[in-house]
PDB file of N, CA and C in Angstrom:
ATOM      1  N   MET A   1       3.717  19.865  -7.941  1.00  0.00           N
ATOM      2  CA  MET A   1       3.839  19.266  -6.635  1.00  0.00           C
ATOM      3  C   MET A   1       3.754  17.749  -6.768  1.00  0.00           C
ATOM      4  N   LYS A   2       4.744  17.064  -6.229  1.00  0.00           N
ATOM      5  CA  LYS A   2       4.775  15.605  -6.289  1.00  0.00           C
ATOM      6  C   LYS A   2       4.015  15.021  -5.108  1.00  0.00           C
ATOM      7  N   ILE A   3       3.126  14.092  -5.409  1.00  0.00           N
ATOM      8  CA  ILE A   3       2.368  13.409  -4.354  1.00  0.00           C
ATOM      9  C   ILE A   3       3.226  12.263  -3.827  1.00  0.00           C
ATOM     10  N   PRO A   4       3.417  12.181  -2.506  1.00  0.00           N
ATOM     11  CA  PRO A   4       4.254  11.104  -1.961  1.00  0.00           C
ATOM     12  C   PRO A   4       3.656   9.722  -2.232  1.00  0.00           C
ATOM     13  N   VAL A   5       4.522   8.737  -2.365  1.00  0.00           N
ATOM     14  CA  VAL A   5       4.097   7.375  -2.664  1.00  0.00           C
ATOM     15  C   VAL A   5       3.238   6.817  -1.536  1.00  0.00           C
ATOM     16  N   MET A   6       3.564   7.161  -0.304  1.00  0.00           N
ATOM     17  CA  MET A   6       2.795   6.634   0.823  1.00  0.00           C
ATOM     18  C   MET A   6       1.345   7.127   0.805  1.00  0.00           C
ATOM     19  N   PHE A   7       1.064   8.228   0.120  1.00  0.00           N
ATOM     20  CA  PHE A   7      -0.311   8.676  -0.041  1.00  0.00           C
ATOM     21  C   PHE A   7      -1.116   7.632  -0.820  1.00  0.00           C
ATOM     22  N   TYR A   8      -0.523   7.097  -1.888  1.00  0.00           N
ATOM     23  CA  TYR A   8      -1.210   6.076  -2.686  1.00  0.00           C
ATOM     24  C   TYR A   8      -1.397   4.789  -1.880  1.00  0.00           C
ATOM     25  N   VAL A   9      -0.418   4.442  -1.083  1.00  0.00           N
ATOM     26  CA  VAL A   9      -0.530   3.247  -0.245  1.00  0.00           C
ATOM     27  C   VAL A   9      -1.647   3.432   0.777  1.00  0.00           C
ATOM     28  N   GLY A  10      -1.694   4.585   1.425  1.00  0.00           N
ATOM     29  CA  GLY A  10      -2.740   4.865   2.413  1.00  0.00           C
ATOM     30  C   GLY A  10      -4.127   4.940   1.789  1.00  0.00           C
ATOM     31  N   LEU A  11      -4.224   5.584   0.630  1.00  0.00           N
ATOM     32  CA  LEU A  11      -5.513   5.702  -0.053  1.00  0.00           C
ATOM     33  C   LEU A  11      -6.037   4.334  -0.473  1.00  0.00           C
ATOM     34  N   THR A  12      -5.157   3.496  -1.010  1.00  0.00           N
ATOM     35  CA  THR A  12      -5.568   2.156  -1.426  1.00  0.00           C
ATOM     36  C   THR A  12      -5.984   1.319  -0.226  1.00  0.00           C
ATOM     37  N   THR A  13      -5.260   1.427   0.872  1.00  0.00           N
ATOM     38  CA  THR A  13      -5.605   0.689   2.085  1.00  0.00           C
ATOM     39  C   THR A  13      -6.967   1.117   2.608  1.00  0.00           C
ATOM     40  N   CYS A  14      -7.208   2.421   2.657  1.00  0.00           N
ATOM     41  CA  CYS A  14      -8.512   2.923   3.126  1.00  0.00           C
ATOM     42  C   CYS A  14      -9.639   2.467   2.219  1.00  0.00           C
ATOM     43  N   LEU A  15      -9.395   2.472   0.914  1.00  0.00           N
ATOM     44  CA  LEU A  15     -10.430   2.045  -0.023  1.00  0.00           C
ATOM     45  C   LEU A  15     -10.757   0.571   0.154  1.00  0.00           C
ATOM     46  N   LEU A  16      -9.757  -0.254   0.370  1.00  0.00           N
ATOM     47  CA  LEU A  16     -10.017  -1.682   0.545  1.00  0.00           C
ATOM     48  C   LEU A  16     -10.640  -1.974   1.914  1.00  0.00           C
ATOM     49  N   LEU A  17     -10.319  -1.166   2.913  1.00  0.00           N
ATOM     50  CA  LEU A  17     -11.029  -1.296   4.195  1.00  0.00           C
ATOM     51  C   LEU A  17     -12.491  -0.877   4.045  1.00  0.00           C
ATOM     52  N   LEU A  18     -12.733   0.132   3.209  1.00  0.00           N
ATOM     53  CA  LEU A  18     -14.107   0.524   2.910  1.00  0.00           C
ATOM     54  C   LEU A  18     -14.853  -0.614   2.223  1.00  0.00           C
ATOM     55  N   LEU A  19     -14.165  -1.333   1.345  1.00  0.00           N
ATOM     56  CA  LEU A  19     -14.781  -2.484   0.687  1.00  0.00           C
ATOM     57  C   LEU A  19     -15.193  -3.535   1.709  1.00  0.00           C
ATOM     58  N   ILE A  20     -14.343  -3.801   2.683  1.00  0.00           N
ATOM     59  CA  ILE A  20     -14.686  -4.761   3.737  1.00  0.00           C
ATOM     60  C   ILE A  20     -15.919  -4.291   4.498  1.00  0.00           C
ATOM     61  N   PHE A  21     -15.979  -3.002   4.799  1.00  0.00           N
ATOM     62  CA  PHE A  21     -17.128  -2.438   5.510  1.00  0.00           C
ATOM     63  C   PHE A  21     -18.397  -2.563   4.673  1.00  0.00           C
ATOM     64  N   VAL A  22     -18.302  -2.243   3.379  1.00  0.00           N
ATOM     65  CA  VAL A  22     -19.473  -2.308   2.493  1.00  0.00           C
ATOM     66  C   VAL A  22     -19.991  -3.735   2.401  1.00  0.00           C
ATOM     67  N   VAL A  23     -19.099  -4.702   2.299  1.00  0.00           N
ATOM     68  CA  VAL A  23     -19.513  -6.109   2.210  1.00  0.00           C
ATOM     69  C   VAL A  23     -20.137  -6.564   3.522  1.00  0.00           C
ATOM     70  N   SER A  24     -19.544  -6.177   4.649  1.00  0.00           N
ATOM     71  CA  SER A  24     -20.055  -6.647   5.935  1.00  0.00           C
ATOM     72  C   SER A  24     -21.407  -6.035   6.289  1.00  0.00           C
ATOM     73  N   MET A  25     -21.733  -4.887   5.721  1.00  0.00           N
ATOM     74  CA  MET A  25     -23.018  -4.242   5.978  1.00  0.00           C
ATOM     75  C   MET A  25     -24.100  -4.667   4.984  1.00  0.00           C
ATOM     76  N   ASN A  26     -23.772  -5.631   4.129  1.00  0.00           N
ATOM     77  CA  ASN A  26     -24.726  -6.147   3.137  1.00  0.00           C
ATOM     78  C   ASN A  26     -25.335  -5.033   2.282  1.00  0.00           C
ATOM     79  N   MET A  27     -24.498  -4.118   1.838  1.00  0.00           N
ATOM     80  CA  MET A  27     -24.984  -3.062   0.948  1.00  0.00           C
ATOM     81  C   MET A  27     -25.250  -3.652  -0.426  1.00  0.00           C
ATOM     82  N   GLY A  28     -25.804  -2.850  -1.290  1.00  0.00           N
ATOM     83  CA  GLY A  28     -26.187  -3.319  -2.610  1.00  0.00           C
ATOM     84  C   GLY A  28     -25.010  -3.814  -3.431  1.00  0.00           C
ATOM     85  N   PHE A  29     -25.329  -4.685  -4.395  1.00  0.00           N
ATOM     86  CA  PHE A  29     -24.291  -5.278  -5.227  1.00  0.00           C
ATOM     87  C   PHE A  29     -23.522  -4.218  -5.995  1.00  0.00           C
ATOM     88  N   THR A  30     -24.185  -3.172  -6.446  1.00  0.00           N
ATOM     89  CA  THR A  30     -23.494  -2.152  -7.241  1.00  0.00           C
ATOM     90  C   THR A  30     -22.424  -1.444  -6.413  1.00  0.00           C
ATOM     91  N   TRP A  31     -22.705  -1.171  -5.133  1.00  0.00           N
ATOM     92  CA  TRP A  31     -21.710  -0.543  -4.273  1.00  0.00           C
ATOM     93  C   TRP A  31     -20.499  -1.445  -4.103  1.00  0.00           C
ATOM     94  N   VAL A  32     -20.757  -2.727  -3.859  1.00  0.00           N
ATOM     95  CA  VAL A  32     -19.666  -3.684  -3.678  1.00  0.00           C
ATOM     96  C   VAL A  32     -18.872  -3.819  -4.968  1.00  0.00           C
ATOM     97  N   PHE A  33     -19.556  -3.936  -6.074  1.00  0.00           N
ATOM     98  CA  PHE A  33     -18.894  -4.133  -7.359  1.00  0.00           C
ATOM     99  C   PHE A  33     -18.004  -2.949  -7.729  1.00  0.00           C
ATOM    100  N   TYR A  34     -18.549  -1.745  -7.645  1.00  0.00           N
ATOM    101  CA  TYR A  34     -17.764  -0.570  -8.036  1.00  0.00           C
ATOM    102  C   TYR A  34     -16.641  -0.272  -7.050  1.00  0.00           C
ATOM    103  N   THR A  35     -16.850  -0.543  -5.775  1.00  0.00           N
ATOM    104  CA  THR A  35     -15.772  -0.363  -4.800  1.00  0.00           C
ATOM    105  C   THR A  35     -14.656  -1.372  -5.063  1.00  0.00           C
ATOM    106  N   MET A  36     -15.020  -2.593  -5.417  1.00  0.00           N
ATOM    107  CA  MET A  36     -14.027  -3.602  -5.725  1.00  0.00           C
ATOM    108  C   MET A  36     -13.250  -3.250  -6.992  1.00  0.00           C
ATOM    109  N   CYS A  37     -13.945  -2.807  -8.014  1.00  0.00           N
ATOM    110  CA  CYS A  37     -13.270  -2.418  -9.261  1.00  0.00           C
ATOM    111  C   CYS A  37     -12.334  -1.238  -9.035  1.00  0.00           C
ATOM    112  N   LEU A  38     -12.788  -0.248  -8.285  1.00  0.00           N
ATOM    113  CA  LEU A  38     -11.939   0.899  -7.980  1.00  0.00           C
ATOM    114  C   LEU A  38     -10.733   0.466  -7.142  1.00  0.00           C
ATOM    115  N   GLY A  39     -10.940  -0.465  -6.224  1.00  0.00           N
ATOM    116  CA  GLY A  39      -9.843  -0.981  -5.409  1.00  0.00           C
ATOM    117  C   GLY A  39      -8.800  -1.691  -6.255  1.00  0.00           C
ATOM    118  N   GLN A  40      -9.233  -2.455  -7.251  1.00  0.00           N
ATOM    119  CA  GLN A  40      -8.281  -3.147  -8.125  1.00  0.00           C
ATOM    120  C   GLN A  40      -7.486  -2.161  -8.964  1.00  0.00           C
ATOM    121  N   VAL A  41      -8.137  -1.119  -9.440  1.00  0.00           N
ATOM    122  CA  VAL A  41      -7.432  -0.085 -10.200  1.00  0.00           C
ATOM    123  C   VAL A  41      -6.424   0.627  -9.302  1.00  0.00           C
ATOM    124  N   MET A  42      -6.830   0.928  -8.078  1.00  0.00           N
ATOM    125  CA  MET A  42      -5.930   1.623  -7.150  1.00  0.00           C
ATOM    126  C   MET A  42      -4.730   0.752  -6.765  1.00  0.00           C
ATOM    127  N   VAL A  43      -4.921  -0.557  -6.655  1.00  0.00           N
ATOM    128  CA  VAL A  43      -3.790  -1.448  -6.367  1.00  0.00           C
ATOM    129  C   VAL A  43      -2.797  -1.389  -7.525  1.00  0.00           C
ATOM    130  N   GLY A  44      -3.290  -1.397  -8.743  1.00  0.00           N
ATOM    131  CA  GLY A  44      -2.413  -1.292  -9.903  1.00  0.00           C
ATOM    132  C   GLY A  44      -1.651   0.023  -9.930  1.00  0.00           C
ATOM    133  N   ILE A  45      -2.349   1.131  -9.661  1.00  0.00           N
ATOM    134  CA  ILE A  45      -1.701   2.442  -9.626  1.00  0.00           C
ATOM    135  C   ILE A  45      -0.669   2.489  -8.498  1.00  0.00           C
ATOM    136  N   MET A  46      -1.028   1.962  -7.343  1.00  0.00           N
ATOM    137  CA  MET A  46      -0.117   1.966  -6.202  1.00  0.00           C
ATOM    138  C   MET A  46       1.159   1.184  -6.517  1.00  0.00           C
ATOM    139  N   VAL A  47       1.020   0.004  -7.101  1.00  0.00           N
ATOM    140  CA  VAL A  47       2.187  -0.812  -7.438  1.00  0.00           C
ATOM    141  C   VAL A  47       3.066  -0.078  -8.443  1.00  0.00           C
ATOM    142  N   TYR A  48       2.459   0.537  -9.441  1.00  0.00           N
ATOM    143  CA  TYR A  48       3.229   1.290 -10.439  1.00  0.00           C
ATOM    144  C   TYR A  48       3.985   2.446  -9.787  1.00  0.00           C
ATOM    145  N   LYS A  49       3.308   3.207  -8.940  1.00  0.00           N
ATOM    146  CA  LYS A  49       3.948   4.351  -8.285  1.00  0.00           C
ATOM    147  C   LYS A  49       5.078   3.921  -7.362  1.00  0.00           C
ATOM    148  N   VAL A  50       4.878   2.833  -6.613  1.00  0.00           N
ATOM    149  CA  VAL A  50       5.922   2.358  -5.703  1.00  0.00           C
ATOM    150  C   VAL A  50       7.135   1.882  -6.492  1.00  0.00           C
ATOM    151  N   LEU A  51       6.917   1.159  -7.587  1.00  0.00           N
ATOM    152  CA  LEU A  51       8.039   0.631  -8.355  1.00  0.00           C
ATOM    153  C   LEU A  51       8.771   1.716  -9.142  1.00  0.00           C
ATOM    154  N   LYS A  52       8.077   2.774  -9.555  1.00  0.00           N
ATOM    155  CA  LYS A  52       8.703   3.841 -10.334  1.00  0.00           C
ATOM    156  C   LYS A  52       9.232   4.977  -9.476  1.00  0.00           C
ATOM    157  N   ASP A  53       9.076   4.897  -8.152  1.00  0.00           N
ATOM    158  CA  ASP A  53       9.544   5.954  -7.269  1.00  0.00           C
ATOM    159  C   ASP A  53      11.066   6.016  -7.304  1.00  0.00           C
ATOM    160  N   GLN A  54      11.605   7.217  -7.309  1.00  0.00           N
ATOM    161  CA  GLN A  54      13.055   7.416  -7.359  1.00  0.00           C
ATOM    162  C   GLN A  54      13.644   7.402  -5.950  1.00  0.00           C
ATOM    163  N   TYR A  55      13.438   6.326  -5.233  1.00  0.00           N
ATOM    164  CA  TYR A  55      13.924   6.178  -3.863  1.00  0.00           C
ATOM    165  C   TYR A  55      15.326   5.585  -3.894  1.00  0.00           C
ATOM    166  N   THR A  56      16.238   6.223  -3.206  1.00  0.00           N
ATOM    167  CA  THR A  56      17.595   5.695  -3.103  1.00  0.00           C
ATOM    168  C   THR A  56      17.969   5.589  -1.629  1.00  0.00           C
ATOM    169  N   THR A  57      18.874   4.687  -1.337  1.00  0.00           N
ATOM    170  CA  THR A  57      19.343   4.494   0.027  1.00  0.00           C
ATOM    171  C   THR A  57      20.819   4.139   0.006  1.00  0.00           C
ATOM    172  N   ASP A  58      21.471   4.361   1.109  1.00  0.00           N
ATOM    173  CA  ASP A  58      22.874   3.988   1.211  1.00  0.00           C
ATOM    174  C   ASP A  58      23.044   2.655   1.938  1.00  0.00           C
ATOM    175  N   LYS A  59      21.948   1.999   2.243  1.00  0.00           N
ATOM    176  CA  LYS A  59      21.988   0.706   2.925  1.00  0.00           C
ATOM    177  C   LYS A  59      22.378  -0.387   1.932  1.00  0.00           C
ATOM    178  N   THR A  60      23.097  -1.382   2.434  1.00  0.00           N
ATOM    179  CA  THR A  60      23.465  -2.533   1.624  1.00  0.00           C
ATOM    180  C   THR A  60      23.066  -3.800   2.369  1.00  0.00           C
ATOM    181  N   PHE A  61      23.347  -4.938   1.759  1.00  0.00           N
ATOM    182  CA  PHE A  61      23.036  -6.193   2.434  1.00  0.00           C
ATOM    183  C   PHE A  61      23.923  -6.404   3.649  1.00  0.00           C
ATOM    184  N   GLU A  62      25.032  -5.684   3.719  1.00  0.00           N
ATOM    185  CA  GLU A  62      25.891  -5.775   4.896  1.00  0.00           C
ATOM    186  C   GLU A  62      25.196  -5.206   6.128  1.00  0.00           C
ATOM    187  N   ASN A  63      24.246  -4.275   5.934  1.00  0.00           N
ATOM    188  CA  ASN A  63      23.505  -3.691   7.044  1.00  0.00           C
ATOM    189  C   ASN A  63      22.420  -4.632   7.559  1.00  0.00           C
ATOM    190  N   PHE A  64      22.069  -5.624   6.776  1.00  0.00           N
ATOM    191  CA  PHE A  64      21.030  -6.601   7.083  1.00  0.00           C
ATOM    192  C   PHE A  64      19.746  -5.883   7.490  1.00  0.00           C
ATOM    193  N   TYR A  65      19.157  -6.210   8.590  1.00  0.00           N
ATOM    194  CA  TYR A  65      17.934  -5.564   9.036  1.00  0.00           C
ATOM    195  C   TYR A  65      18.268  -4.498  10.063  1.00  0.00           C
ATOM    196  N   GLU A  66      17.608  -3.355   9.955  1.00  0.00           N
ATOM    197  CA  GLU A  66      17.890  -2.271  10.882  1.00  0.00           C
ATOM    198  C   GLU A  66      17.410  -2.569  12.297  1.00  0.00           C
ATOM    199  N   ASP A  67      16.363  -3.358  12.436  1.00  0.00           N
ATOM    200  CA  ASP A  67      15.837  -3.622  13.770  1.00  0.00           C
ATOM    201  C   ASP A  67      16.654  -4.685  14.517  1.00  0.00           C
ATOM    202  N   ARG A  68      17.470  -5.455  13.814  1.00  0.00           N
ATOM    203  CA  ARG A  68      18.318  -6.446  14.465  1.00  0.00           C
ATOM    204  C   ARG A  68      19.598  -6.633  13.645  1.00  0.00           C
ATOM    205  N   PRO A  69      20.567  -5.742  13.809  1.00  0.00           N
ATOM    206  CA  PRO A  69      21.803  -5.854  13.034  1.00  0.00           C
ATOM    207  C   PRO A  69      22.615  -7.076  13.438  1.00  0.00           C
ATOM    208  N   PHE A  70      23.601  -7.401  12.623  1.00  0.00           N
ATOM    209  CA  PHE A  70      24.434  -8.574  12.886  1.00  0.00           C
ATOM    210  C   PHE A  70      25.163  -8.485  14.223  1.00  0.00           C
ATOM    211  N   ASN A  71      25.595  -7.298  14.579  1.00  0.00           N
ATOM    212  CA  ASN A  71      26.365  -7.142  15.809  1.00  0.00           C
ATOM    213  C   ASN A  71      25.471  -6.923  17.038  1.00  0.00           C
ATOM    214  N   TYR A  72      24.230  -7.343  16.973  1.00  0.00           N
ATOM    215  CA  TYR A  72      23.280  -7.180  18.058  1.00  0.00           C
ATOM    216  C   TYR A  72      23.532  -8.238  19.135  1.00  0.00           C
ATOM    217  N   HIS A  73      23.694  -7.787  20.363  1.00  0.00           N
ATOM    218  CA  HIS A  73      23.867  -8.694  21.498  1.00  0.00           C
ATOM    219  C   HIS A  73      22.915  -8.296  22.602  1.00  0.00           C
ATOM    220  N   LYS A  74      22.248  -9.266  23.193  1.00  0.00           N
ATOM    221  CA  LYS A  74      21.316  -8.982  24.282  1.00  0.00           C
ATOM    222  C   LYS A  74      22.065  -8.740  25.557  1.00  0.00           C
TER     223      LYS A  74
END
């Protein structure tokens, strides 16, 4: 079973939000240190997984941005 890439993005985001919470609550240095180290490892894993994902699309630069295409008129 393949784990989706967005799972790694969400997990890393939650872990780094946990780090912010741990720091703001003045928890012990060991909690902050190990949460930070784990967060750095997870960022590395997340970047690797995102870059190695076999994602393909049929969009080109001619499509520009989907939220505001070239032929957009108000």
